[in-house]
Amino acid sequence: MGLARKNTKEKDNGKEFLQTLKELAYEKGIDEELLFETIEAALISAYRRNFGAAQNVRISLSRETGAFHVFAIKTVVDEVESDVTEISLARARAINPDYTVGDVVEIEMTPANFGRIAAQTAKQVVMQRLREAERGIVYEEYMNRSSEIVTGIVQRIEGHNVFVDIGRAEAVLMATEQLPTETYNYGDTVRAYIIEVKRTSRGPQIMLSRTHPGLLKKLFELQVPEIQEGVVEIRSIAREAGSRSKVAVWSSEERVDPIGACVGPHYMRVQAVVDELAGEKIDIVKWSDDPATYIANSLNPAKVISVAVNEAEKISRVVVPDYQLSLAIGKEGQNARLAAKLTGWKIDIKSETQAREEEQADGATTDAPSEDQAAAGEA
């Protein structure tokens, strides 16, 4: 009576385990048969560890009942040299008269207390597979979100690196990708740009940036409906993160002013981006397919008198009013540097006076007689 109750309980436990296994496999997107095979392989290791390392066994996990069965695998021989791996022909034929020398015989030898070991091992395997599956799912999710903006909470700071909880994963904002004007503390909300997602043995490694030009572009896309609709395009960005940026914009419709669209009513749109980037200054300029016009626009807020271009070498010579020279060049050359980065042209900036003096010097050189002409005059 007691034995019957025990067998019934084991069957119920096996079916319950089997049902849980199948539900987890379905929920986490794990191949059910692969999960069974992985458990069986782990059970072989567990059996050898507990009942003899030399044993050659196969372990079967019933797909119907959830019960575990251990089978010793032995080769039929005329003379047994190892009881662990061999069985005599006479003993084999006692099991099945059809066996011959060289055949492989499977003999069930499930230990009485193997159920507890098997259950613990299976649980460990399932948990490991679930962790691996979860990591794989998270990796696939964030791999497809590279070049997007995410918002997260600062979880910890190690050295100069900031670790951010972004939902189903933890991401890292390295020191080189942080705005120099910002400090980060536990619990802070951080909005950043995903620059890279790597697959590692510990799960996906997600790299964030607050300095990437892509962050600036995405922020404008969030703020400007005309960009979302495709009417206004951001053609180029030059950024010195935390200090100043230039953004070149263009509209596919003449009636839409691309600069006005990005600035927004009462500067609301651009100010929202500036606030997100901790006060970083942003110049919005109009893109043009005419290099001279584009270069002149790129030096905004400075006014430009003229632009001469050498398209073969992508070199330009810009003349500005005398009082605008320092503005055109910018503090420590920043305005000129950003304009060059934005346009992809080398820009040589001269004041009106400098340009006139150079022209006069060139003219004087041209008008002066050559040595041969001077010699001929003396003769």
Protein backbone atom coordinates (compact mmCIF):
# COMPACT_ATOMS: atom_id res chain seq x y z
CA MET A 1 0.00 0.00 0.00
CA GLY A 2 2.81 2.42 0.97
CA LEU A 3 4.80 1.51 -2.14
CA ALA A 4 1.78 2.15 -4.38
CA ARG A 5 1.31 5.60 -2.84
CA LYS A 6 5.01 6.35 -3.37
CA ASN A 7 4.91 5.34 -7.05
CA THR A 8 1.78 7.43 -7.61
CA LYS A 9 3.44 10.44 -5.98
CA GLU A 10 6.56 10.02 -8.15
CA LYS A 11 4.41 9.83 -11.28
CA ASP A 12 2.54 12.98 -10.26
CA ASN A 13 5.83 14.79 -9.58
CA GLY A 14 7.21 13.64 -12.93
CA LYS A 15 4.17 14.90 -14.85
CA GLU A 16 4.22 18.19 -12.95
CA PHE A 17 7.91 18.63 -13.74
CA LEU A 18 7.30 17.74 -17.38
CA GLN A 19 4.46 20.26 -17.69
CA THR A 20 6.58 23.00 -16.07
CA LEU A 21 9.44 22.19 -18.41
CA LYS A 22 7.26 22.46 -21.50
CA GLU A 23 5.66 25.71 -20.36
CA LEU A 24 9.06 27.30 -19.68
CA ALA A 25 10.39 26.16 -23.04
CA TYR A 26 7.39 27.69 -24.80
CA GLU A 27 7.44 30.93 -22.79
CA LYS A 28 11.19 31.56 -23.27
CA GLY A 29 11.33 30.39 -26.88
CA ILE A 30 13.67 27.44 -26.13
CA ASP A 31 13.54 24.38 -28.36
CA GLU A 32 11.78 21.76 -26.20
CA GLU A 33 13.65 18.72 -27.54
CA LEU A 34 17.00 20.51 -27.20
CA LEU A 35 16.16 21.21 -23.55
CA PHE A 36 15.38 17.51 -22.94
CA GLU A 37 18.64 16.44 -24.58
CA THR A 38 20.64 18.96 -22.54
CA ILE A 39 19.09 17.64 -19.31
CA GLU A 40 19.85 14.04 -20.31
CA ALA A 41 23.51 14.91 -21.00
CA ALA A 42 23.78 16.65 -17.62
CA LEU A 43 22.21 13.67 -15.89
CA ILE A 44 24.88 11.36 -17.31
CA SER A 45 27.56 13.54 -15.69
CA ALA A 46 25.61 13.59 -12.43
CA TYR A 47 25.24 9.78 -12.48
CA ARG A 48 28.94 9.18 -13.08
CA ARG A 49 29.81 11.65 -10.33
CA ASN A 50 27.62 9.82 -7.81
CA PHE A 51 27.65 6.20 -8.95
CA GLY A 52 30.95 5.57 -10.75
CA ALA A 53 32.96 7.58 -13.24
CA ALA A 54 33.72 4.53 -15.39
CA GLN A 55 30.09 3.72 -16.08
CA ASN A 56 28.99 3.86 -19.72
CA VAL A 57 25.32 4.80 -19.47
CA ARG A 58 22.44 6.39 -21.31
CA ILE A 59 19.81 8.31 -19.41
CA SER A 60 16.35 8.81 -20.78
CA LEU A 61 13.87 11.46 -19.65
CA SER A 62 10.40 10.28 -20.64
CA ARG A 63 8.57 12.84 -22.77
CA GLU A 64 5.26 11.36 -21.58
CA THR A 65 5.69 10.85 -17.83
CA GLY A 66 8.73 12.92 -16.87
CA ALA A 67 10.36 9.83 -15.33
CA PHE A 68 14.13 9.25 -15.47
CA HIS A 69 15.60 5.90 -16.56
CA VAL A 70 19.27 4.86 -16.45
CA PHE A 71 20.53 2.27 -18.90
CA ALA A 72 23.96 0.64 -18.74
CA ILE A 73 25.43 0.28 -22.23
CA LYS A 74 27.45 -2.92 -22.70
CA THR A 75 28.99 -4.68 -25.67
CA VAL A 76 28.35 -8.41 -26.18
CA VAL A 77 31.64 -10.41 -26.05
CA ASP A 78 32.75 -14.05 -25.84
CA GLU A 79 34.97 -13.37 -22.84
CA VAL A 80 34.26 -10.51 -20.42
CA GLU A 81 37.30 -8.42 -19.45
CA SER A 82 35.39 -5.46 -17.97
CA ASP A 83 32.05 -5.84 -16.22
CA VAL A 84 31.51 -2.09 -16.60
CA THR A 85 31.45 -2.04 -20.41
CA GLU A 86 31.00 -5.67 -21.47
CA ILE A 87 28.47 -8.51 -21.13
CA SER A 88 28.91 -12.19 -22.00
CA LEU A 89 27.03 -13.68 -24.93
CA ALA A 90 25.26 -16.10 -22.57
CA ARG A 91 23.91 -13.30 -20.33
CA ALA A 92 22.95 -11.23 -23.32
CA ARG A 93 20.98 -14.09 -24.86
CA ALA A 94 19.23 -14.59 -21.54
CA ILE A 95 17.82 -11.11 -22.14
CA ASN A 96 17.18 -11.60 -25.85
CA PRO A 97 18.10 -14.75 -27.82
CA ASP A 98 18.82 -12.70 -30.94
CA TYR A 99 21.92 -10.99 -29.54
CA THR A 100 25.30 -11.86 -31.13
CA VAL A 101 28.89 -10.91 -30.35
CA GLY A 102 29.50 -7.22 -31.10
CA ASP A 103 25.93 -6.13 -30.40
CA VAL A 104 25.23 -3.38 -27.87
CA VAL A 105 22.93 -4.17 -24.96
CA GLU A 106 21.11 -1.62 -22.81
CA ILE A 107 20.25 -2.79 -19.31
CA GLU A 108 18.10 -0.60 -17.06
CA MET A 109 19.78 0.06 -13.73
CA THR A 110 18.12 3.14 -12.34
CA PRO A 111 19.31 3.59 -8.69
CA ALA A 112 16.58 3.82 -6.08
CA ASN A 113 17.70 7.30 -4.92
CA PHE A 114 18.49 8.67 -8.35
CA GLY A 115 15.23 10.63 -8.60
CA ARG A 116 16.36 13.26 -6.09
CA ILE A 117 19.74 13.74 -7.81
CA ALA A 118 18.06 13.84 -11.21
CA ALA A 119 15.55 16.45 -10.11
CA GLN A 120 18.26 18.73 -8.68
CA THR A 121 20.41 18.34 -11.79
CA ALA A 122 17.47 18.98 -14.11
CA LYS A 123 16.58 22.11 -12.16
CA GLN A 124 20.14 23.43 -12.48
CA VAL A 125 20.19 22.72 -16.21
CA VAL A 126 16.83 24.36 -16.76
CA MET A 127 17.88 27.48 -14.85
CA GLN A 128 21.13 27.68 -16.82
CA ARG A 129 19.32 27.27 -20.13
CA LEU A 130 16.77 29.90 -19.11
CA ARG A 131 19.55 32.34 -18.25
CA GLU A 132 21.22 31.68 -21.60
CA ALA A 133 17.92 32.06 -23.44
CA GLU A 134 17.16 35.29 -21.60
CA ARG A 135 20.58 36.66 -22.51
CA GLY A 136 20.02 35.68 -26.12
CA ILE A 137 16.62 37.35 -26.21
CA VAL A 138 17.99 40.54 -24.63
CA TYR A 139 20.92 40.56 -27.07
CA GLU A 140 18.60 40.20 -30.07
CA GLU A 141 16.36 42.98 -28.74
CA TYR A 142 19.13 45.51 -28.16
CA MET A 143 21.21 44.50 -31.18
CA ASN A 144 18.32 45.75 -33.30
CA ARG A 145 18.17 48.97 -31.26
CA SER A 146 21.72 50.07 -32.00
CA SER A 147 21.76 53.78 -33.00
CA GLU A 148 18.66 54.45 -30.90
CA ILE A 149 18.13 56.56 -27.79
CA VAL A 150 17.36 54.81 -24.49
CA THR A 151 16.49 56.20 -21.08
CA GLY A 152 17.72 54.52 -17.91
CA ILE A 153 18.61 54.90 -14.25
CA VAL A 154 22.17 55.05 -12.93
CA GLN A 155 22.70 51.85 -10.90
CA ARG A 156 26.35 52.15 -9.95
CA ILE A 157 29.59 53.95 -10.76
CA GLU A 158 32.87 52.06 -11.06
CA GLY A 159 35.88 54.28 -11.52
CA HIS A 160 34.82 56.71 -14.23
CA ASN A 161 32.36 54.31 -15.87
CA VAL A 162 28.63 54.70 -15.23
CA PHE A 163 26.36 51.62 -15.30
CA VAL A 164 22.79 52.31 -16.33
CA ASP A 165 19.68 50.13 -15.92
CA ILE A 166 17.80 50.44 -19.23
CA GLY A 167 15.03 47.96 -18.54
CA ARG A 168 15.86 44.36 -19.38
CA ALA A 169 19.59 45.00 -19.44
CA GLU A 170 22.41 46.99 -17.93
CA ALA A 171 24.39 49.34 -20.16
CA VAL A 172 27.67 51.16 -19.62
CA LEU A 173 28.45 54.81 -20.25
CA MET A 174 32.23 54.95 -20.42
CA ALA A 175 34.21 58.03 -19.40
CA THR A 176 35.10 58.81 -23.04
CA GLU A 177 31.39 58.92 -23.94
CA GLN A 178 30.31 61.24 -21.12
CA LEU A 179 29.71 64.97 -21.47
CA PRO A 180 32.58 66.80 -19.75
CA THR A 181 30.09 69.22 -18.22
CA GLU A 182 28.06 66.50 -16.48
CA THR A 183 28.39 64.48 -13.29
CA TYR A 184 26.42 61.30 -12.59
CA ASN A 185 25.02 59.98 -9.32
CA TYR A 186 23.14 56.87 -8.22
CA GLY A 187 19.47 57.13 -9.16
CA ASP A 188 19.97 59.79 -11.87
CA THR A 189 17.90 59.45 -15.04
CA VAL A 190 20.12 59.30 -18.12
CA ARG A 191 19.16 59.50 -21.79
CA ALA A 192 21.87 58.17 -24.09
CA TYR A 193 22.61 56.78 -27.56
CA ILE A 194 23.37 53.09 -28.12
CA ILE A 195 26.65 52.94 -30.05
CA GLU A 196 27.40 49.21 -29.81
CA VAL A 197 25.93 45.93 -28.59
CA LYS A 198 28.31 43.01 -27.99
CA ARG A 199 27.49 39.37 -27.21
CA THR A 200 29.49 38.08 -24.22
CA SER A 201 29.38 34.97 -22.01
CA ARG A 202 27.82 37.09 -19.26
CA GLY A 203 25.12 38.45 -21.53
CA PRO A 204 24.89 41.42 -23.89
CA GLN A 205 27.23 44.33 -23.31
CA ILE A 206 25.52 47.56 -24.32
CA MET A 207 27.68 50.64 -24.85
CA LEU A 208 26.11 54.09 -24.48
CA SER A 209 27.20 57.58 -25.50
CA ARG A 210 26.26 61.14 -24.60
CA THR A 211 28.85 62.60 -27.00
CA HIS A 212 27.99 60.87 -30.29
CA PRO A 213 26.58 63.09 -33.09
CA GLY A 214 23.85 60.48 -33.48
CA LEU A 215 22.41 61.51 -30.11
CA LEU A 216 22.02 65.09 -31.32
CA LYS A 217 20.33 63.90 -34.51
CA LYS A 218 17.90 61.63 -32.64
CA LEU A 219 17.00 64.41 -30.21
CA PHE A 220 16.06 66.70 -33.09
CA GLU A 221 14.04 63.88 -34.67
CA LEU A 222 12.07 63.59 -31.43
CA GLN A 223 11.44 67.34 -31.23
CA VAL A 224 10.78 68.23 -34.89
CA PRO A 225 7.69 66.71 -36.57
CA GLU A 226 8.91 67.86 -39.99
CA ILE A 227 11.98 65.60 -39.60
CA GLN A 228 9.78 62.65 -38.60
CA GLU A 229 7.64 63.28 -41.70
CA GLY A 230 10.70 63.44 -43.98
CA VAL A 231 10.07 67.03 -45.06
CA VAL A 232 13.17 68.32 -43.27
CA GLU A 233 16.46 66.40 -43.32
CA ILE A 234 19.59 66.70 -41.21
CA ARG A 235 22.36 66.49 -43.81
CA SER A 236 25.43 66.91 -41.58
CA ILE A 237 26.45 67.34 -37.95
CA ALA A 238 29.70 68.59 -36.45
CA ARG A 239 29.93 68.30 -32.70
CA GLU A 240 32.30 69.16 -29.89
CA ALA A 241 30.25 67.52 -27.17
CA GLY A 242 29.37 69.62 -24.16
CA SER A 243 30.54 72.82 -25.84
CA ARG A 244 29.10 73.52 -29.29
CA SER A 245 27.61 71.83 -32.34
CA LYS A 246 26.61 72.76 -35.87
CA VAL A 247 23.72 71.10 -37.68
CA ALA A 248 23.11 71.47 -41.43
CA VAL A 249 19.45 71.06 -42.43
CA TRP A 250 17.56 70.96 -45.72
CA SER A 251 13.91 70.92 -46.74
CA SER A 252 12.39 69.03 -49.66
CA GLU A 253 9.58 71.62 -49.81
CA GLU A 254 10.28 75.27 -50.59
CA ARG A 255 7.44 76.45 -48.37
CA VAL A 256 9.08 74.87 -45.30
CA ASP A 257 11.96 76.73 -43.68
CA PRO A 258 14.21 73.95 -42.31
CA ILE A 259 15.95 76.23 -39.81
CA GLY A 260 12.66 77.59 -38.51
CA ALA A 261 11.26 74.09 -38.18
CA CYS A 262 14.22 72.99 -36.05
CA VAL A 263 14.26 76.13 -33.94
CA GLY A 264 10.52 75.92 -33.33
CA PRO A 265 8.08 78.51 -31.97
CA HIS A 266 9.82 80.75 -29.43
CA TYR A 267 12.96 78.56 -29.78
CA MET A 268 11.15 75.77 -27.93
CA ARG A 269 12.38 72.84 -30.04
CA VAL A 270 16.05 73.70 -30.14
CA GLN A 271 15.97 74.76 -26.48
CA ALA A 272 14.65 71.32 -25.51
CA VAL A 273 17.67 69.75 -27.23
CA VAL A 274 20.05 72.24 -25.60
CA ASP A 275 18.57 71.46 -22.17
CA GLU A 276 18.98 67.70 -22.76
CA LEU A 277 22.66 68.25 -23.61
CA ALA A 278 23.40 70.31 -20.50
CA GLY A 279 23.52 73.70 -22.23
CA GLU A 280 25.56 72.71 -25.31
CA LYS A 281 25.30 75.55 -27.87
CA ILE A 282 23.78 74.58 -31.22
CA ASP A 283 24.08 76.45 -34.53
CA ILE A 284 21.49 75.42 -37.12
CA VAL A 285 22.51 76.30 -40.68
CA LYS A 286 20.97 75.73 -44.09
CA TRP A 287 22.54 73.05 -46.25
CA SER A 288 23.16 73.86 -49.92
CA ASP A 289 24.48 71.88 -52.87
CA ASP A 290 26.44 74.99 -53.87
CA PRO A 291 29.76 74.75 -51.95
CA ALA A 292 30.30 78.50 -51.67
CA THR A 293 26.82 79.07 -50.25
CA TYR A 294 27.10 76.11 -47.89
CA ILE A 295 30.49 77.25 -46.57
CA ALA A 296 29.18 80.76 -46.01
CA ASN A 297 26.19 79.36 -44.13
CA SER A 298 28.39 77.07 -42.04
CA LEU A 299 30.24 80.03 -40.52
CA ASN A 300 27.05 81.34 -38.94
CA PRO A 301 26.69 83.51 -36.87
CA ALA A 302 29.47 85.38 -38.72
CA LYS A 303 28.60 87.36 -41.88
CA VAL A 304 30.53 86.50 -45.03
CA ILE A 305 31.47 88.86 -47.88
CA SER A 306 32.74 86.32 -50.38
CA VAL A 307 33.77 82.68 -50.79
CA ALA A 308 36.22 81.39 -53.41
CA VAL A 309 36.42 77.61 -53.81
CA ASN A 310 38.88 75.15 -55.30
CA GLU A 311 36.65 72.12 -55.85
CA ALA A 312 39.51 69.87 -56.98
CA GLU A 313 41.27 70.22 -53.62
CA LYS A 314 38.19 71.13 -51.54
CA ILE A 315 39.87 74.29 -50.31
CA SER A 316 37.98 77.55 -49.83
CA ARG A 317 39.00 81.17 -49.14
CA VAL A 318 36.46 83.16 -47.17
CA VAL A 319 36.46 86.94 -46.72
CA VAL A 320 34.57 88.47 -43.79
CA PRO A 321 34.19 92.06 -42.54
CA ASP A 322 37.05 93.14 -40.25
CA TYR A 323 34.81 93.29 -37.19
CA GLN A 324 33.51 89.77 -37.89
CA LEU A 325 36.91 88.03 -38.13
CA SER A 326 37.11 86.90 -34.50
CA LEU A 327 33.48 85.76 -34.63
CA ALA A 328 34.06 83.78 -37.82
CA ILE A 329 37.12 82.06 -36.38
CA GLY A 330 35.56 81.61 -32.94
CA LYS A 331 37.11 81.10 -29.53
CA GLU A 332 40.24 78.99 -29.95
CA GLY A 333 39.23 78.49 -33.60
CA GLN A 334 36.12 76.51 -32.69
CA ASN A 335 33.67 78.11 -35.15
CA ALA A 336 36.01 77.66 -38.12
CA ARG A 337 36.90 74.14 -37.01
CA LEU A 338 33.26 73.07 -36.73
CA ALA A 339 32.42 74.68 -40.08
CA ALA A 340 35.23 72.73 -41.75
CA LYS A 341 34.05 69.49 -40.14
CA LEU A 342 30.43 70.18 -41.10
CA THR A 343 31.16 70.92 -44.77
CA GLY A 344 34.16 68.68 -45.33
CA TRP A 345 36.09 71.64 -46.78
CA LYS A 346 39.31 73.30 -45.66
CA ILE A 347 38.39 76.91 -44.89
CA ASP A 348 40.88 79.79 -44.92
CA ILE A 349 39.29 82.88 -43.34
CA LYS A 350 40.55 86.43 -44.03
CA SER A 351 39.31 89.81 -42.92
CA GLU A 352 38.40 92.33 -45.62
CA THR A 353 41.55 94.36 -44.84
CA GLN A 354 43.78 91.25 -44.94
CA ALA A 355 42.27 90.20 -48.27
CA ARG A 356 42.80 93.69 -49.74
CA GLU A 357 46.41 93.83 -48.54
CA GLU A 358 47.12 90.41 -50.04
CA GLU A 359 45.58 91.48 -53.33
CA GLN A 360 47.66 94.65 -53.38
CA ALA A 361 50.81 92.69 -52.57
CA ASP A 362 50.00 90.23 -55.34
CA GLY A 363 49.31 93.11 -57.73
CA ALA A 364 52.59 94.83 -56.86
CA THR A 365 54.46 91.61 -57.48
CA THR A 366 52.72 91.19 -60.81
CA ASP A 367 53.38 94.81 -61.89
CA ALA A 368 57.07 94.80 -60.88
CA PRO A 369 59.46 94.23 -63.89
CA SER A 370 61.31 90.96 -64.03
CA GLU A 371 65.14 90.84 -63.91
CA ASP A 372 65.28 90.31 -67.68
CA GLN A 373 62.96 93.26 -68.31
CA ALA A 374 65.04 95.45 -65.99
CA ALA A 375 68.26 94.43 -67.78
CA ALA A 376 66.72 95.17 -71.17
CA GLY A 377 65.63 98.64 -69.96
CA GLU A 378 69.16 99.48 -68.81
CA ALA A 379 70.55 98.44 -72.15
